[in-house]
Amino acid sequence: MTDVNLQKKVATIMVVVDTTVKESDKPPTTKRLRIEAALDQTNNGWKVNALRQVPYSATGQQ
């Protein structure tokens, strides 16, 4: 998902990050995070204004 408003100089993006977690006595598991970032356009480029974790369900439902 990406939303850009060039007039207001703001944007929102969402990224999905998969990480492998290994505890000493258990097999590795995959953890999935969805992160939404709010961006502001500045004279020096796009800068992150805020981050938030978005709930994830393996079935695709929130």
PDB file of N, CA and C in Angstrom:
ATOM      1  N   MET A   1       0.841  -1.175   0.000  1.00  0.00           N
ATOM      2  CA  MET A   1       0.000   0.000   0.000  1.00  0.00           C
ATOM      3  C   MET A   1       0.889   1.241   0.000  1.00  0.00           C
ATOM      4  N   THR A   2       0.579   2.172  -0.843  1.00  0.00           N
ATOM      5  CA  THR A   2       1.266   3.459  -0.864  1.00  0.00           C
ATOM      6  C   THR A   2       0.234   4.541  -1.134  1.00  0.00           C
ATOM      7  N   ASP A   3       0.323   5.626  -0.390  1.00  0.00           N
ATOM      8  CA  ASP A   3      -0.564   6.759  -0.596  1.00  0.00           C
ATOM      9  C   ASP A   3       0.303   8.008  -0.571  1.00  0.00           C
ATOM     10  N   VAL A   4       0.264   8.790  -1.656  1.00  0.00           N
ATOM     11  CA  VAL A   4       1.088   9.990  -1.761  1.00  0.00           C
ATOM     12  C   VAL A   4       0.196  11.190  -2.058  1.00  0.00           C
ATOM     13  N   ASN A   5       0.399  12.273  -1.303  1.00  0.00           N
ATOM     14  CA  ASN A   5      -0.289  13.533  -1.559  1.00  0.00           C
ATOM     15  C   ASN A   5       0.795  14.598  -1.724  1.00  0.00           C
ATOM     16  N   LEU A   6       1.120  14.893  -2.982  1.00  0.00           N
ATOM     17  CA  LEU A   6       2.216  15.834  -3.252  1.00  0.00           C
ATOM     18  C   LEU A   6       1.853  17.267  -2.879  1.00  0.00           C
ATOM     19  N   GLN A   7       0.562  17.612  -2.891  1.00  0.00           N
ATOM     20  CA  GLN A   7       0.164  18.970  -2.504  1.00  0.00           C
ATOM     21  C   GLN A   7       0.416  19.200  -1.009  1.00  0.00           C
ATOM     22  N   LYS A   8       0.108  18.202  -0.194  1.00  0.00           N
ATOM     23  CA  LYS A   8       0.335  18.325   1.249  1.00  0.00           C
ATOM     24  C   LYS A   8       1.742  17.883   1.649  1.00  0.00           C
ATOM     25  N   LYS A   9       2.483  17.319   0.692  1.00  0.00           N
ATOM     26  CA  LYS A   9       3.848  16.825   0.915  1.00  0.00           C
ATOM     27  C   LYS A   9       3.888  15.742   2.001  1.00  0.00           C
ATOM     28  N   VAL A  10       2.936  14.808   1.916  1.00  0.00           N
ATOM     29  CA  VAL A  10       2.880  13.683   2.843  1.00  0.00           C
ATOM     30  C   VAL A  10       2.673  12.386   2.072  1.00  0.00           C
ATOM     31  N   ALA A  11       3.062  11.282   2.687  1.00  0.00           N
ATOM     32  CA  ALA A  11       2.861   9.963   2.091  1.00  0.00           C
ATOM     33  C   ALA A  11       2.747   8.936   3.208  1.00  0.00           C
ATOM     34  N   THR A  12       2.133   7.818   2.872  1.00  0.00           N
ATOM     35  CA  THR A  12       2.045   6.681   3.782  1.00  0.00           C
ATOM     36  C   THR A  12       2.457   5.444   3.009  1.00  0.00           C
ATOM     37  N   ILE A  13       3.311   4.627   3.608  1.00  0.00           N
ATOM     38  CA  ILE A  13       3.712   3.367   2.993  1.00  0.00           C
ATOM     39  C   ILE A  13       3.543   2.249   4.014  1.00  0.00           C
ATOM     40  N   MET A  14       3.395   1.022   3.512  1.00  0.00           N
ATOM     41  CA  MET A  14       3.357  -0.131   4.393  1.00  0.00           C
ATOM     42  C   MET A  14       4.388  -1.143   3.900  1.00  0.00           C
ATOM     43  N   VAL A  15       5.127  -1.690   4.840  1.00  0.00           N
ATOM     44  CA  VAL A  15       6.095  -2.721   4.515  1.00  0.00           C
ATOM     45  C   VAL A  15       5.797  -3.955   5.350  1.00  0.00           C
ATOM     46  N   VAL A  16       6.155  -5.113   4.806  1.00  0.00           N
ATOM     47  CA  VAL A  16       6.018  -6.371   5.538  1.00  0.00           C
ATOM     48  C   VAL A  16       7.419  -6.920   5.747  1.00  0.00           C
ATOM     49  N   VAL A  17       7.710  -7.287   6.998  1.00  0.00           N
ATOM     50  CA  VAL A  17       9.029  -7.796   7.350  1.00  0.00           C
ATOM     51  C   VAL A  17       8.864  -9.194   7.934  1.00  0.00           C
ATOM     52  N   ASP A  18       9.544 -10.181   7.338  1.00  0.00           N
ATOM     53  CA  ASP A  18       9.580 -11.527   7.895  1.00  0.00           C
ATOM     54  C   ASP A  18      10.918 -11.727   8.582  1.00  0.00           C
ATOM     55  N   THR A  19      10.885 -12.189   9.829  1.00  0.00           N
ATOM     56  CA  THR A  19      12.111 -12.477  10.558  1.00  0.00           C
ATOM     57  C   THR A  19      12.057 -13.900  11.070  1.00  0.00           C
ATOM     58  N   THR A  20      13.208 -14.531  11.184  1.00  0.00           N
ATOM     59  CA  THR A  20      13.293 -15.868  11.747  1.00  0.00           C
ATOM     60  C   THR A  20      13.742 -15.753  13.190  1.00  0.00           C
ATOM     61  N   VAL A  21      12.960 -16.365  14.076  1.00  0.00           N
ATOM     62  CA  VAL A  21      13.244 -16.324  15.506  1.00  0.00           C
ATOM     63  C   VAL A  21      13.655 -17.724  15.947  1.00  0.00           C
ATOM     64  N   LYS A  22      14.787 -17.823  16.622  1.00  0.00           N
ATOM     65  CA  LYS A  22      15.283 -19.118  17.097  1.00  0.00           C
ATOM     66  C   LYS A  22      15.520 -19.044  18.597  1.00  0.00           C
ATOM     67  N   GLU A  23      14.732 -19.818  19.342  1.00  0.00           N
ATOM     68  CA  GLU A  23      14.965 -19.969  20.771  1.00  0.00           C
ATOM     69  C   GLU A  23      15.830 -21.199  20.961  1.00  0.00           C
ATOM     70  N   SER A  24      16.618 -21.221  22.002  1.00  0.00           N
ATOM     71  CA  SER A  24      17.652 -22.248  22.173  1.00  0.00           C
ATOM     72  C   SER A  24      17.148 -23.682  22.068  1.00  0.00           C
ATOM     73  N   ASP A  25      15.989 -23.997  22.613  1.00  0.00           N
ATOM     74  CA  ASP A  25      15.538 -25.385  22.623  1.00  0.00           C
ATOM     75  C   ASP A  25      14.346 -25.645  21.706  1.00  0.00           C
ATOM     76  N   LYS A  26      14.057 -24.740  20.786  1.00  0.00           N
ATOM     77  CA  LYS A  26      12.906 -24.881  19.897  1.00  0.00           C
ATOM     78  C   LYS A  26      13.339 -24.694  18.450  1.00  0.00           C
ATOM     79  N   PRO A  27      12.564 -25.247  17.511  1.00  0.00           N
ATOM     80  CA  PRO A  27      12.892 -25.023  16.088  1.00  0.00           C
ATOM     81  C   PRO A  27      12.618 -23.562  15.701  1.00  0.00           C
ATOM     82  N   PRO A  28      13.284 -23.067  14.664  1.00  0.00           N
ATOM     83  CA  PRO A  28      13.072 -21.685  14.228  1.00  0.00           C
ATOM     84  C   PRO A  28      11.626 -21.460  13.779  1.00  0.00           C
ATOM     85  N   THR A  29      11.115 -20.273  14.041  1.00  0.00           N
ATOM     86  CA  THR A  29       9.789 -19.880  13.569  1.00  0.00           C
ATOM     87  C   THR A  29       9.911 -18.547  12.840  1.00  0.00           C
ATOM     88  N   THR A  30       8.974 -18.308  11.945  1.00  0.00           N
ATOM     89  CA  THR A  30       8.955 -17.048  11.205  1.00  0.00           C
ATOM     90  C   THR A  30       7.945 -16.112  11.849  1.00  0.00           C
ATOM     91  N   LYS A  31       8.370 -14.888  12.085  1.00  0.00           N
ATOM     92  CA  LYS A  31       7.491 -13.859  12.629  1.00  0.00           C
ATOM     93  C   LYS A  31       7.302 -12.801  11.555  1.00  0.00           C
ATOM     94  N   ARG A  32       6.059 -12.448  11.281  1.00  0.00           N
ATOM     95  CA  ARG A  32       5.748 -11.454  10.247  1.00  0.00           C
ATOM     96  C   ARG A  32       5.231 -10.183  10.907  1.00  0.00           C
ATOM     97  N   LEU A  33       5.823  -9.058  10.523  1.00  0.00           N
ATOM     98  CA  LEU A  33       5.392  -7.747  11.012  1.00  0.00           C
ATOM     99  C   LEU A  33       4.951  -6.898   9.834  1.00  0.00           C
ATOM    100  N   ARG A  34       3.854  -6.169  10.009  1.00  0.00           N
ATOM    101  CA  ARG A  34       3.431  -5.172   9.027  1.00  0.00           C
ATOM    102  C   ARG A  34       3.619  -3.820   9.691  1.00  0.00           C
ATOM    103  N   ILE A  35       4.356  -2.952   9.032  1.00  0.00           N
ATOM    104  CA  ILE A  35       4.672  -1.640   9.598  1.00  0.00           C
ATOM    105  C   ILE A  35       4.233  -0.563   8.622  1.00  0.00           C
ATOM    106  N   GLU A  36       3.483   0.407   9.148  1.00  0.00           N
ATOM    107  CA  GLU A  36       3.042   1.548   8.356  1.00  0.00           C
ATOM    108  C   GLU A  36       3.889   2.758   8.736  1.00  0.00           C
ATOM    109  N   ALA A  37       4.378   3.461   7.742  1.00  0.00           N
ATOM    110  CA  ALA A  37       5.199   4.652   7.982  1.00  0.00           C
ATOM    111  C   ALA A  37       4.521   5.869   7.367  1.00  0.00           C
ATOM    112  N   ALA A  38       4.440   6.942   8.165  1.00  0.00           N
ATOM    113  CA  ALA A  38       3.965   8.232   7.668  1.00  0.00           C
ATOM    114  C   ALA A  38       5.201   9.056   7.323  1.00  0.00           C
ATOM    115  N   LEU A  39       5.210   9.631   6.133  1.00  0.00           N
ATOM    116  CA  LEU A  39       6.372  10.369   5.644  1.00  0.00           C
ATOM    117  C   LEU A  39       6.000  11.822   5.354  1.00  0.00           C
ATOM    118  N   ASP A  40       6.959  12.715   5.574  1.00  0.00           N
ATOM    119  CA  ASP A  40       6.830  14.125   5.209  1.00  0.00           C
ATOM    120  C   ASP A  40       7.912  14.451   4.182  1.00  0.00           C
ATOM    121  N   GLN A  41       7.544  15.198   3.150  1.00  0.00           N
ATOM    122  CA  GLN A  41       8.532  15.628   2.162  1.00  0.00           C
ATOM    123  C   GLN A  41       9.177  16.916   2.657  1.00  0.00           C
ATOM    124  N   THR A  42      10.512  16.911   2.716  1.00  0.00           N
ATOM    125  CA  THR A  42      11.269  18.080   3.161  1.00  0.00           C
ATOM    126  C   THR A  42      12.182  18.541   2.024  1.00  0.00           C
ATOM    127  N   ASN A  43      12.909  19.603   2.241  1.00  0.00           N
ATOM    128  CA  ASN A  43      13.880  20.067   1.246  1.00  0.00           C
ATOM    129  C   ASN A  43      15.009  19.058   1.044  1.00  0.00           C
ATOM    130  N   ASN A  44      15.197  18.176   2.025  1.00  0.00           N
ATOM    131  CA  ASN A  44      16.255  17.162   1.953  1.00  0.00           C
ATOM    132  C   ASN A  44      15.722  15.780   1.607  1.00  0.00           C
ATOM    133  N   GLY A  45      14.482  15.694   1.130  1.00  0.00           N
ATOM    134  CA  GLY A  45      13.899  14.406   0.752  1.00  0.00           C
ATOM    135  C   GLY A  45      12.794  13.993   1.711  1.00  0.00           C
ATOM    136  N   TRP A  46      12.339  12.756   1.573  1.00  0.00           N
ATOM    137  CA  TRP A  46      11.265  12.222   2.401  1.00  0.00           C
ATOM    138  C   TRP A  46      11.815  11.775   3.750  1.00  0.00           C
ATOM    139  N   LYS A  47      11.147  12.163   4.825  1.00  0.00           N
ATOM    140  CA  LYS A  47      11.564  11.813   6.189  1.00  0.00           C
ATOM    141  C   LYS A  47      10.413  11.113   6.906  1.00  0.00           C
ATOM    142  N   VAL A  48      10.743  10.101   7.707  1.00  0.00           N
ATOM    143  CA  VAL A  48       9.733   9.381   8.480  1.00  0.00           C
ATOM    144  C   VAL A  48       9.225  10.273   9.602  1.00  0.00           C
ATOM    145  N   ASN A  49       7.903  10.412   9.682  1.00  0.00           N
ATOM    146  CA  ASN A  49       7.254  11.205  10.712  1.00  0.00           C
ATOM    147  C   ASN A  49       6.762  10.305  11.842  1.00  0.00           C
ATOM    148  N   ALA A  50       6.237   9.112  11.488  1.00  0.00           N
ATOM    149  CA  ALA A  50       5.685   8.201  12.488  1.00  0.00           C
ATOM    150  C   ALA A  50       5.699   6.775  11.955  1.00  0.00           C
ATOM    151  N   LEU A  51       5.808   5.822  12.882  1.00  0.00           N
ATOM    152  CA  LEU A  51       5.725   4.391  12.560  1.00  0.00           C
ATOM    153  C   LEU A  51       4.670   3.763  13.448  1.00  0.00           C
ATOM    154  N   ARG A  52       3.960   2.768  12.892  1.00  0.00           N
ATOM    155  CA  ARG A  52       3.044   2.006  13.734  1.00  0.00           C
ATOM    156  C   ARG A  52       2.947   0.588  13.193  1.00  0.00           C
ATOM    157  N   GLN A  53       2.783  -0.358  14.104  1.00  0.00           N
ATOM    158  CA  GLN A  53       2.621  -1.744  13.713  1.00  0.00           C
ATOM    159  C   GLN A  53       1.156  -1.982  13.384  1.00  0.00           C
ATOM    160  N   VAL A  54       0.914  -2.656  12.270  1.00  0.00           N
ATOM    161  CA  VAL A  54      -0.443  -2.974  11.820  1.00  0.00           C
ATOM    162  C   VAL A  54      -0.668  -4.456  12.076  1.00  0.00           C
ATOM    163  N   PRO A  55      -1.784  -4.824  12.729  1.00  0.00           N
ATOM    164  CA  PRO A  55      -2.026  -6.243  13.001  1.00  0.00           C
ATOM    165  C   PRO A  55      -2.005  -7.092  11.739  1.00  0.00           C
ATOM    166  N   TYR A  56      -1.492  -8.300  11.874  1.00  0.00           N
ATOM    167  CA  TYR A  56      -1.389  -9.231  10.754  1.00  0.00           C
ATOM    168  C   TYR A  56      -2.082 -10.530  11.121  1.00  0.00           C
ATOM    169  N   SER A  57      -2.859 -11.049  10.189  1.00  0.00           N
ATOM    170  CA  SER A  57      -3.490 -12.356  10.361  1.00  0.00           C
ATOM    171  C   SER A  57      -3.089 -13.223   9.176  1.00  0.00           C
ATOM    172  N   ALA A  58      -2.724 -14.466   9.432  1.00  0.00           N
ATOM    173  CA  ALA A  58      -2.292 -15.371   8.366  1.00  0.00           C
ATOM    174  C   ALA A  58      -3.411 -15.610   7.351  1.00  0.00           C
ATOM    175  N   THR A  59      -4.658 -15.421   7.727  1.00  0.00           N
ATOM    176  CA  THR A  59      -5.779 -15.606   6.814  1.00  0.00           C
ATOM    177  C   THR A  59      -6.030 -14.381   5.957  1.00  0.00           C
ATOM    178  N   GLY A  60      -5.301 -13.291   6.241  1.00  0.00           N
ATOM    179  CA  GLY A  60      -5.462 -12.063   5.483  1.00  0.00           C
ATOM    180  C   GLY A  60      -6.523 -11.155   6.039  1.00  0.00           C
ATOM    181  N   GLN A  61      -7.129 -11.532   7.151  1.00  0.00           N
ATOM    182  CA  GLN A  61      -8.139 -10.698   7.786  1.00  0.00           C
ATOM    183  C   GLN A  61      -7.540 -10.008   8.977  1.00  0.00           C
ATOM    184  N   GLN A  62      -7.976  -8.781   9.253  1.00  0.00           N
ATOM    185  CA  GLN A  62      -7.476  -8.036  10.406  1.00  0.00           C
ATOM    186  C   GLN A  62      -8.372  -8.255  11.592  1.00  0.00           C
TER     187      GLN A  62
END
